[in-house]
PDB file of N, CA and C in Angstrom:
ATOM      1  N   UNK A   1     -11.934-241.474  16.560  1.00  0.00           N
ATOM      2  CA  UNK A   1     -12.247-242.788  17.074  1.00  0.00           C
ATOM      3  C   UNK A   1     -13.643-242.752  17.507  1.00  0.00           C
ATOM      4  N   UNK A   2     -14.252-244.034  17.588  1.00  0.00           N
ATOM      5  CA  UNK A   2     -15.661-244.152  17.977  1.00  0.00           C
ATOM      6  C   UNK A   2     -15.695-244.414  19.378  1.00  0.00           C
ATOM      7  N   UNK A   3     -16.350-243.575  20.120  1.00  0.00           N
ATOM      8  CA  UNK A   3     -16.457-243.714  21.677  1.00  0.00           C
ATOM      9  C   UNK A   3     -17.864-243.934  22.012  1.00  0.00           C
ATOM     10  N   UNK A   4     -17.988-244.947  23.037  1.00  0.00           N
ATOM     11  CA  UNK A   4     -19.319-245.342  23.452  1.00  0.00           C
ATOM     12  C   UNK A   4     -20.035-244.263  24.155  1.00  0.00           C
ATOM     13  N   UNK A   5     -21.342-244.094  24.197  1.00  0.00           N
ATOM     14  CA  UNK A   5     -22.145-242.921  24.985  1.00  0.00           C
ATOM     15  C   UNK A   5     -22.960-243.605  25.935  1.00  0.00           C
ATOM     16  N   UNK A   6     -22.440-244.469  26.616  1.00  0.00           N
ATOM     17  CA  UNK A   6     -23.388-245.254  27.700  1.00  0.00           C
ATOM     18  C   UNK A   6     -24.252-244.211  28.409  1.00  0.00           C
ATOM     19  N   UNK A   7     -25.383-244.443  28.264  1.00  0.00           N
ATOM     20  CA  UNK A   7     -26.494-243.551  29.079  1.00  0.00           C
ATOM     21  C   UNK A   7     -26.381-241.939  28.891  1.00  0.00           C
ATOM     22  N   UNK A   8     -25.790-241.637  27.849  1.00  0.00           N
ATOM     23  CA  UNK A   8     -25.731-240.109  27.525  1.00  0.00           C
ATOM     24  C   UNK A   8     -26.623-239.832  26.290  1.00  0.00           C
ATOM     25  N   UNK A   9     -27.605-239.000  26.476  1.00  0.00           N
ATOM     26  CA  UNK A   9     -28.502-238.604  25.358  1.00  0.00           C
ATOM     27  C   UNK A   9     -27.916-237.327  24.522  1.00  0.00           C
ATOM     28  N   UNK A  10     -27.287-236.526  25.409  1.00  0.00           N
ATOM     29  CA  UNK A  10     -26.762-235.214  24.674  1.00  0.00           C
ATOM     30  C   UNK A  10     -25.749-234.509  25.566  1.00  0.00           C
ATOM     31  N   UNK A  11     -24.866-233.760  24.952  1.00  0.00           N
ATOM     32  CA  UNK A  11     -23.967-232.966  25.513  1.00  0.00           C
ATOM     33  C   UNK A  11     -24.134-231.743  24.926  1.00  0.00           C
ATOM     34  N   UNK A  12     -24.239-230.605  25.767  1.00  0.00           N
ATOM     35  CA  UNK A  12     -24.495-229.305  25.306  1.00  0.00           C
ATOM     36  C   UNK A  12     -23.213-228.462  25.739  1.00  0.00           C
ATOM     37  N   UNK A  13     -22.740-227.718  24.689  1.00  0.00           N
ATOM     38  CA  UNK A  13     -21.539-226.869  24.797  1.00  0.00           C
ATOM     39  C   UNK A  13     -21.897-225.605  25.333  1.00  0.00           C
ATOM     40  N   UNK A  14     -21.769-225.173  26.595  1.00  0.00           N
ATOM     41  CA  UNK A  14     -22.104-223.914  27.191  1.00  0.00           C
ATOM     42  C   UNK A  14     -21.234-222.934  26.926  1.00  0.00           C
ATOM     43  N   UNK A  15     -19.939-223.037  26.306  1.00  0.00           N
ATOM     44  CA  UNK A  15     -18.987-222.272  26.121  1.00  0.00           C
ATOM     45  C   UNK A  15     -17.725-222.909  26.398  1.00  0.00           C
ATOM     46  N   UNK A  16     -16.489-222.297  26.254  1.00  0.00           N
ATOM     47  CA  UNK A  16     -15.207-222.924  26.445  1.00  0.00           C
ATOM     48  C   UNK A  16     -14.994-223.530  27.746  1.00  0.00           C
ATOM     49  N   UNK A  17     -14.746-224.704  27.706  1.00  0.00           N
ATOM     50  CA  UNK A  17     -14.489-225.446  28.898  1.00  0.00           C
ATOM     51  C   UNK A  17     -15.798-225.796  29.797  1.00  0.00           C
ATOM     52  N   UNK A  18     -16.941-225.665  29.330  1.00  0.00           N
ATOM     53  CA  UNK A  18     -18.230-225.756  30.039  1.00  0.00           C
ATOM     54  C   UNK A  18     -19.184-226.528  29.190  1.00  0.00           C
ATOM     55  N   UNK A  19     -19.657-227.720  29.851  1.00  0.00           N
ATOM     56  CA  UNK A  19     -20.561-228.698  29.214  1.00  0.00           C
ATOM     57  C   UNK A  19     -21.763-229.077  30.080  1.00  0.00           C
ATOM     58  N   UNK A  20     -22.813-229.243  29.492  1.00  0.00           N
ATOM     59  CA  UNK A  20     -23.879-230.064  30.248  1.00  0.00           C
ATOM     60  C   UNK A  20     -24.085-231.439  29.608  1.00  0.00           C
ATOM     61  N   UNK A  21     -23.923-232.570  30.542  1.00  0.00           N
ATOM     62  CA  UNK A  21     -24.230-233.839  30.091  1.00  0.00           C
ATOM     63  C   UNK A  21     -25.605-234.231  30.493  1.00  0.00           C
ATOM     64  N   UNK A  22     -26.444-234.563  29.595  1.00  0.00           N
ATOM     65  CA  UNK A  22     -27.829-235.176  29.735  1.00  0.00           C
ATOM     66  C   UNK A  22     -27.900-236.646  29.699  1.00  0.00           C
ATOM     67  N   UNK A  23     -28.381-237.158  30.655  1.00  0.00           N
ATOM     68  CA  UNK A  23     -28.600-238.639  30.798  1.00  0.00           C
ATOM     69  C   UNK A  23     -29.731-239.179  30.007  1.00  0.00           C
ATOM     70  N   UNK A  24     -29.585-240.351  29.364  1.00  0.00           N
ATOM     71  CA  UNK A  24     -30.735-241.015  28.616  1.00  0.00           C
ATOM     72  C   UNK A  24     -31.762-241.445  29.507  1.00  0.00           C
ATOM     73  N   UNK A  25     -31.314-241.913  30.566  1.00  0.00           N
ATOM     74  CA  UNK A  25     -32.275-242.463  31.652  1.00  0.00           C
ATOM     75  C   UNK A  25     -31.715-241.886  32.903  1.00  0.00           C
ATOM     76  N   UNK A  26     -32.656-241.092  33.508  1.00  0.00           N
ATOM     77  CA  UNK A  26     -32.311-240.147  34.716  1.00  0.00           C
ATOM     78  C   UNK A  26     -31.872-241.147  35.968  1.00  0.00           C
ATOM     79  N   UNK A  27     -31.083-240.681  36.764  1.00  0.00           N
ATOM     80  CA  UNK A  27     -30.664-241.412  38.120  1.00  0.00           C
ATOM     81  C   UNK A  27     -31.991-241.187  39.017  1.00  0.00           C
ATOM     82  N   UNK A  28     -32.027-242.010  40.100  1.00  0.00           N
ATOM     83  CA  UNK A  28     -33.330-242.044  40.895  1.00  0.00           C
ATOM     84  C   UNK A  28     -33.276-240.725  41.777  1.00  0.00           C
ATOM     85  N   UNK A  29     -32.149-239.998  42.004  1.00  0.00           N
ATOM     86  CA  UNK A  29     -32.080-238.831  42.693  1.00  0.00           C
ATOM     87  C   UNK A  29     -30.769-238.063  41.894  1.00  0.00           C
ATOM     88  N   UNK A  30     -30.565-236.812  42.651  1.00  0.00           N
ATOM     89  CA  UNK A  30     -29.431-236.132  42.151  1.00  0.00           C
ATOM     90  C   UNK A  30     -28.155-236.340  42.910  1.00  0.00           C
ATOM     91  N   UNK A  31     -28.331-237.441  43.859  1.00  0.00           N
ATOM     92  CA  UNK A  31     -27.246-237.793  44.839  1.00  0.00           C
ATOM     93  C   UNK A  31     -26.437-239.109  44.119  1.00  0.00           C
ATOM     94  N   UNK A  32     -25.659-238.728  43.041  1.00  0.00           N
ATOM     95  CA  UNK A  32     -24.897-239.855  42.413  1.00  0.00           C
ATOM     96  C   UNK A  32     -23.587-239.419  42.130  1.00  0.00           C
ATOM     97  N   UNK A  33     -22.453-240.344  41.985  1.00  0.00           N
ATOM     98  CA  UNK A  33     -20.914-239.789  41.856  1.00  0.00           C
ATOM     99  C   UNK A  33     -20.800-239.606  40.374  1.00  0.00           C
ATOM    100  N   UNK A  34     -19.947-238.409  40.233  1.00  0.00           N
ATOM    101  CA  UNK A  34     -19.590-238.087  38.884  1.00  0.00           C
ATOM    102  C   UNK A  34     -18.003-237.938  38.937  1.00  0.00           C
ATOM    103  N   UNK A  35     -17.447-238.454  37.941  1.00  0.00           N
ATOM    104  CA  UNK A  35     -16.014-238.195  37.848  1.00  0.00           C
ATOM    105  C   UNK A  35     -15.650-237.754  36.446  1.00  0.00           C
ATOM    106  N   UNK A  36     -14.876-236.699  36.527  1.00  0.00           N
ATOM    107  CA  UNK A  36     -14.532-235.928  35.283  1.00  0.00           C
ATOM    108  C   UNK A  36     -13.018-236.012  35.045  1.00  0.00           C
ATOM    109  N   UNK A  37     -12.455-236.391  33.989  1.00  0.00           N
ATOM    110  CA  UNK A  37     -11.141-236.291  33.733  1.00  0.00           C
ATOM    111  C   UNK A  37     -10.901-235.717  32.228  1.00  0.00           C
ATOM    112  N   UNK A  38      -9.646-235.333  31.901  1.00  0.00           N
ATOM    113  CA  UNK A  38      -9.425-234.856  30.641  1.00  0.00           C
ATOM    114  C   UNK A  38      -7.954-234.629  30.480  1.00  0.00           C
ATOM    115  N   UNK A  39      -7.503-234.234  29.322  1.00  0.00           N
ATOM    116  CA  UNK A  39      -6.238-233.845  28.832  1.00  0.00           C
ATOM    117  C   UNK A  39      -6.134-232.680  28.107  1.00  0.00           C
ATOM    118  N   UNK A  40      -5.093-231.997  28.172  1.00  0.00           N
ATOM    119  CA  UNK A  40      -4.699-230.945  27.269  1.00  0.00           C
ATOM    120  C   UNK A  40      -3.842-231.196  26.215  1.00  0.00           C
ATOM    121  N   UNK A  41      -4.180-230.730  24.864  1.00  0.00           N
ATOM    122  CA  UNK A  41      -3.154-231.104  23.726  1.00  0.00           C
ATOM    123  C   UNK A  41      -2.065-230.056  23.763  1.00  0.00           C
ATOM    124  N   UNK A  42      -1.902-229.220  24.660  1.00  0.00           N
ATOM    125  CA  UNK A  42      -0.922-228.116  24.701  1.00  0.00           C
ATOM    126  C   UNK A  42       0.103-228.566  25.776  1.00  0.00           C
ATOM    127  N   UNK A  43       1.299-228.731  25.374  1.00  0.00           N
ATOM    128  CA  UNK A  43       2.307-229.260  26.406  1.00  0.00           C
ATOM    129  C   UNK A  43       2.618-228.346  27.584  1.00  0.00           C
ATOM    130  N   UNK A  44       2.302-227.175  27.368  1.00  0.00           N
ATOM    131  CA  UNK A  44       2.548-226.135  28.526  1.00  0.00           C
ATOM    132  C   UNK A  44       1.538-226.038  29.577  1.00  0.00           C
ATOM    133  N   UNK A  45       0.470-226.825  29.224  1.00  0.00           N
ATOM    134  CA  UNK A  45      -0.772-226.826  30.141  1.00  0.00           C
ATOM    135  C   UNK A  45      -0.699-228.170  30.839  1.00  0.00           C
ATOM    136  N   UNK A  46       0.263-228.300  31.705  1.00  0.00           N
ATOM    137  CA  UNK A  46       0.161-229.487  32.418  1.00  0.00           C
ATOM    138  C   UNK A  46      -0.736-229.753  33.443  1.00  0.00           C
ATOM    139  N   UNK A  47      -1.344-228.797  34.032  1.00  0.00           N
ATOM    140  CA  UNK A  47      -2.250-228.896  35.334  1.00  0.00           C
ATOM    141  C   UNK A  47      -3.609-228.479  34.896  1.00  0.00           C
ATOM    142  N   UNK A  48      -4.543-229.433  34.605  1.00  0.00           N
ATOM    143  CA  UNK A  48      -5.902-229.194  34.100  1.00  0.00           C
ATOM    144  C   UNK A  48      -6.791-229.663  35.255  1.00  0.00           C
ATOM    145  N   UNK A  49      -7.771-228.885  35.634  1.00  0.00           N
ATOM    146  CA  UNK A  49      -8.637-229.216  36.662  1.00  0.00           C
ATOM    147  C   UNK A  49     -10.067-229.330  36.010  1.00  0.00           C
ATOM    148  N   UNK A  50     -10.605-230.643  36.266  1.00  0.00           N
ATOM    149  CA  UNK A  50     -11.977-230.994  35.685  1.00  0.00           C
ATOM    150  C   UNK A  50     -12.855-231.183  36.960  1.00  0.00           C
ATOM    151  N   UNK A  51     -14.217-230.552  36.892  1.00  0.00           N
ATOM    152  CA  UNK A  51     -14.910-230.869  38.071  1.00  0.00           C
ATOM    153  C   UNK A  51     -16.459-230.417  37.547  1.00  0.00           C
ATOM    154  N   UNK A  52     -17.331-230.865  38.491  1.00  0.00           N
ATOM    155  CA  UNK A  52     -18.762-230.482  38.320  1.00  0.00           C
ATOM    156  C   UNK A  52     -19.001-229.127  38.797  1.00  0.00           C
ATOM    157  N   UNK A  53     -19.835-228.355  37.846  1.00  0.00           N
ATOM    158  CA  UNK A  53     -20.237-227.018  38.225  1.00  0.00           C
ATOM    159  C   UNK A  53     -21.544-227.104  38.955  1.00  0.00           C
ATOM    160  N   UNK A  54     -21.683-226.435  40.205  1.00  0.00           N
ATOM    161  CA  UNK A  54     -22.959-226.193  40.788  1.00  0.00           C
ATOM    162  C   UNK A  54     -23.580-227.555  41.184  1.00  0.00           C
ATOM    163  N   UNK A  55     -24.887-227.458  41.438  1.00  0.00           N
ATOM    164  CA  UNK A  55     -25.615-228.598  41.742  1.00  0.00           C
ATOM    165  C   UNK A  55     -25.943-229.560  40.571  1.00  0.00           C
ATOM    166  N   UNK A  56     -25.917-230.889  40.662  1.00  0.00           N
ATOM    167  CA  UNK A  56     -26.341-231.709  39.559  1.00  0.00           C
ATOM    168  C   UNK A  56     -27.883-232.053  39.756  1.00  0.00           C
ATOM    169  N   UNK A  57     -28.466-232.462  38.637  1.00  0.00           N
ATOM    170  CA  UNK A  57     -29.808-232.870  38.683  1.00  0.00           C
ATOM    171  C   UNK A  57     -29.940-234.394  38.474  1.00  0.00           C
ATOM    172  N   UNK A  58     -31.064-235.121  38.650  1.00  0.00           N
ATOM    173  CA  UNK A  58     -31.229-236.417  38.387  1.00  0.00           C
ATOM    174  C   UNK A  58     -30.937-236.736  36.883  1.00  0.00           C
ATOM    175  N   UNK A  59     -31.258-235.813  36.121  1.00  0.00           N
ATOM    176  CA  UNK A  59     -31.179-236.017  34.532  1.00  0.00           C
ATOM    177  C   UNK A  59     -30.035-235.426  33.916  1.00  0.00           C
ATOM    178  N   UNK A  60     -29.169-234.579  34.545  1.00  0.00           N
ATOM    179  CA  UNK A  60     -28.061-234.051  33.933  1.00  0.00           C
ATOM    180  C   UNK A  60     -27.091-233.654  35.034  1.00  0.00           C
ATOM    181  N   UNK A  61     -25.917-233.157  34.429  1.00  0.00           N
ATOM    182  CA  UNK A  61     -24.806-232.563  35.324  1.00  0.00           C
ATOM    183  C   UNK A  61     -23.987-231.747  34.471  1.00  0.00           C
ATOM    184  N   UNK A  62     -23.457-230.568  35.006  1.00  0.00           N
ATOM    185  CA  UNK A  62     -22.824-229.582  34.350  1.00  0.00           C
ATOM    186  C   UNK A  62     -21.280-229.900  34.589  1.00  0.00           C
ATOM    187  N   UNK A  63     -20.380-229.876  33.557  1.00  0.00           N
ATOM    188  CA  UNK A  63     -18.973-229.932  34.059  1.00  0.00           C
ATOM    189  C   UNK A  63     -18.018-228.931  33.451  1.00  0.00           C
ATOM    190  N   UNK A  64     -16.847-228.971  33.901  1.00  0.00           N
ATOM    191  CA  UNK A  64     -16.017-227.846  33.254  1.00  0.00           C
ATOM    192  C   UNK A  64     -14.542-228.418  33.354  1.00  0.00           C
ATOM    193  N   UNK A  65     -13.679-227.513  32.672  1.00  0.00           N
ATOM    194  CA  UNK A  65     -12.230-227.921  32.618  1.00  0.00           C
ATOM    195  C   UNK A  65     -11.625-226.568  32.560  1.00  0.00           C
ATOM    196  N   UNK A  66     -10.573-226.401  33.445  1.00  0.00           N
ATOM    197  CA  UNK A  66      -9.925-225.089  33.512  1.00  0.00           C
ATOM    198  C   UNK A  66      -8.352-225.366  33.843  1.00  0.00           C
ATOM    199  N   UNK A  67      -7.739-224.410  33.509  1.00  0.00           N
ATOM    200  CA  UNK A  67      -6.260-224.597  33.742  1.00  0.00           C
ATOM    201  C   UNK A  67      -5.884-223.213  34.561  1.00  0.00           C
ATOM    202  N   UNK A  68      -5.109-223.290  35.664  1.00  0.00           N
ATOM    203  CA  UNK A  68      -4.713-222.312  36.494  1.00  0.00           C
ATOM    204  C   UNK A  68      -4.144-221.103  35.955  1.00  0.00           C
ATOM    205  N   UNK A  69      -4.499-220.041  36.151  1.00  0.00           N
ATOM    206  CA  UNK A  69      -3.977-218.880  35.416  1.00  0.00           C
ATOM    207  C   UNK A  69      -4.315-218.636  34.045  1.00  0.00           C
ATOM    208  N   UNK A  70      -5.051-219.583  33.464  1.00  0.00           N
ATOM    209  CA  UNK A  70      -5.620-219.418  32.009  1.00  0.00           C
ATOM    210  C   UNK A  70      -7.183-219.346  31.958  1.00  0.00           C
ATOM    211  N   UNK A  71      -7.719-220.046  32.803  1.00  0.00           N
ATOM    212  CA  UNK A  71      -9.340-219.941  32.813  1.00  0.00           C
ATOM    213  C   UNK A  71      -9.837-221.238  32.257  1.00  0.00           C
ATOM    214  N   UNK A  72     -11.003-221.190  31.832  1.00  0.00           N
ATOM    215  CA  UNK A  72     -11.657-222.265  31.193  1.00  0.00           C
ATOM    216  C   UNK A  72     -11.138-222.600  29.771  1.00  0.00           C
ATOM    217  N   UNK A  73     -10.994-223.938  29.466  1.00  0.00           N
ATOM    218  CA  UNK A  73     -10.522-224.425  28.303  1.00  0.00           C
ATOM    219  C   UNK A  73     -11.110-225.766  27.796  1.00  0.00           C
ATOM    220  N   UNK A  74     -11.172-225.941  26.606  1.00  0.00           N
ATOM    221  CA  UNK A  74     -11.706-227.110  26.030  1.00  0.00           C
ATOM    222  C   UNK A  74     -10.660-228.202  26.019  1.00  0.00           C
ATOM    223  N   UNK A  75     -10.871-229.255  26.552  1.00  0.00           N
ATOM    224  CA  UNK A  75      -9.887-230.517  26.614  1.00  0.00           C
ATOM    225  C   UNK A  75      -9.808-231.101  25.373  1.00  0.00           C
ATOM    226  N   UNK A  76      -8.666-231.680  25.077  1.00  0.00           N
ATOM    227  CA  UNK A  76      -8.489-232.552  23.856  1.00  0.00           C
ATOM    228  C   UNK A  76      -9.154-233.804  24.079  1.00  0.00           C
ATOM    229  N   UNK A  77      -9.351-234.224  25.372  1.00  0.00           N
ATOM    230  CA  UNK A  77     -10.034-235.434  25.518  1.00  0.00           C
ATOM    231  C   UNK A  77     -10.693-235.356  26.916  1.00  0.00           C
ATOM    232  N   UNK A  78     -12.017-235.245  26.911  1.00  0.00           N
ATOM    233  CA  UNK A  78     -12.839-235.008  28.148  1.00  0.00           C
ATOM    234  C   UNK A  78     -13.603-236.244  28.224  1.00  0.00           C
ATOM    235  N   UNK A  79     -13.577-236.892  29.660  1.00  0.00           N
ATOM    236  CA  UNK A  79     -14.247-238.188  30.006  1.00  0.00           C
ATOM    237  C   UNK A  79     -14.967-237.941  31.258  1.00  0.00           C
ATOM    238  N   UNK A  80     -16.276-238.356  31.007  1.00  0.00           N
ATOM    239  CA  UNK A  80     -17.236-238.218  32.301  1.00  0.00           C
ATOM    240  C   UNK A  80     -17.906-239.423  32.534  1.00  0.00           C
ATOM    241  N   UNK A  81     -17.877-239.929  33.862  1.00  0.00           N
ATOM    242  CA  UNK A  81     -18.485-241.220  34.189  1.00  0.00           C
ATOM    243  C   UNK A  81     -19.230-240.833  35.366  1.00  0.00           C
ATOM    244  N   UNK A  82     -20.460-241.672  35.562  1.00  0.00           N
ATOM    245  CA  UNK A  82     -21.473-241.289  36.625  1.00  0.00           C
ATOM    246  C   UNK A  82     -21.872-242.642  37.238  1.00  0.00           C
ATOM    247  N   UNK A  83     -21.906-242.777  38.501  1.00  0.00           N
ATOM    248  CA  UNK A  83     -22.221-243.952  39.166  1.00  0.00           C
ATOM    249  C   UNK A  83     -23.551-243.801  40.259  1.00  0.00           C
ATOM    250  N   UNK A  84     -24.502-244.501  39.931  1.00  0.00           N
ATOM    251  CA  UNK A  84     -25.835-244.377  41.016  1.00  0.00           C
ATOM    252  C   UNK A  84     -26.870-245.162  40.713  1.00  0.00           C
ATOM    253  N   UNK A  85     -27.906-245.190  41.429  1.00  0.00           N
ATOM    254  CA  UNK A  85     -29.118-245.754  41.274  1.00  0.00           C
ATOM    255  C   UNK A  85     -29.995-245.169  40.154  1.00  0.00           C
ATOM    256  N   UNK A  86     -30.511-245.925  39.240  1.00  0.00           N
ATOM    257  CA  UNK A  86     -31.280-245.339  38.156  1.00  0.00           C
ATOM    258  C   UNK A  86     -32.755-245.698  38.510  1.00  0.00           C
TER     259      UNK A  86
END
């Protein structure tokens, strides 16, 4: 399906379950809200944890996806939204 990429210039795959999202227009500071959600396509992996890794920058943030007892995994559907002043 065709997904919109509102204000995202690129996504870098840093490895399994680890991505850097780079914004097209930087936020005014690194103090903006990021929400990360995702889902697994494997029925046995019911509990997925998605979160921001480390400190974020005005122009990018690093996000991850992990399953307890399994480690970092790629999600079937990863969604990132960010809210703040540009």
